């Protein structure tokens, strides 16, 4: 029996509606690479690293591609909506599947908090009198209701959110290139490629300071792995998933490296600051009257897009955990529209903590939640990479079928990515401001460890299940 045959037979058992077409999966993949980490967080990173931030995004982008090709090989070996949690369970054991599933849920809950915070900040641009927590609460409720209706509606909303983001970035690049080559607008006299090195060099604050931005840079790439969660609801995963993953390099080159290069050539890096979108700043300097307002709307949709994705993924991950007896059985239920409504609802309640943070510490809310989300994301990526390495060993040994979408270089690129992620974790531990997220993750690990002990006590067999697919062993 081939891997593809197994996938086909297993897919309907999950109970989801395969309502995500190629057009939507492609845009979900594109949207996953464009988020608030670029539109808002890049301002602080530019202030810390200067033009060298371009190199940091490019370097991180290469690692993200390695991670996604590793995930792609696993997805075409066995596409399931539980994705990396299921692979962790299969190749590392039940505890790692349990830990990864709950940690990915945490990542999206706190990412949802960050996106709600960012969306509230953008609303302040037009309506400064509206408190941040009010805007955050309204967005939370609206997106929750949209996610309850159907996966098709989720996919359609995500498609148009992503379309807005893509159009805006391409527009920014085209306008910026026009300023650089034709010299129009009030920025024409000062816009020049030499801005990338004219103010204290390409590394104005030293290589060490540039490397310290990698935490924020990695946060910008959170959600690229969301394509893996859509596997159980994609119409044709064997075709749509490889295509979505293989287009990642040009998306990173265009949306991150390209856009930031143009922006920093038009506006010198010393004019950027934390909490200010580089895109809004660039349009303001260029002097396009409605430009800043348009970009502000775009970055608002970017934040809402990511929050929308968070609600989608948390509900699916809770259902996967419930399937394996690692979460309350109630999360296993699907609504009449085939959505995990209860899991989404519980996740939204926890995302509501972000509304409280916006009420208590509006100026620090974004920084707090992004650091925790990054740490949880790094764990998820590490589990993908380690699972991939172990899967490759099984393939080489002839115990598992090979995937139709093998990662280039086999396990080599996965080892490189693992080393890079461990290096970033070391940077997080070194930085006093971001170190708090490791304390949070340590507490989270203790809580999950206690939860696992309770689960094993109630059901000893839970520690024996490895979630292996029903295929015939090769050889």
Foldseek 3Di string as FASTA:
>chain_A
DALVVLQVVCLCVLVAALQAELLLLLLLLLLLLAFLLQFAVVLALCQQFPLCLLVLLLVVLLLVLLLLLLQLQVCLSHQDLLRLLLLCLQQVHLLSSLLLLVLVLLLLLLLLLLLLLLLLLLVCVVVVPDFSLVSSVVLLVVLLVQQQQAVNSLSVLSSVLSVLLVVLLVVLLVVLVCLAPVVDFQLNVPQALCLCQPQCGVGNPDPVSSLLCSLSSLLSNPSSCLSSNCRSNHPDCVPSSVVSSVCSSVSSCRRRSSSSSSLCRSPRSNPGHHRHGSQLVSCVSRPDVCRNVSSSVSNSSSSSSSSSSSLQSQLSSQLVCLVLVNHDVLSVDADPNRTSSVRSVVSSVSSSVSSVCSVVPSPCSNVVSSLLSSVSSLSSSLSSLVSSLSVLVCVVVQFGPGGPSHRPPRSPSSVVSNVVSVVSVVSLCVDPSSVVSVVVVVVVVVVSVVSVVVSCVVPVCSRVDSSDRPDDTGD
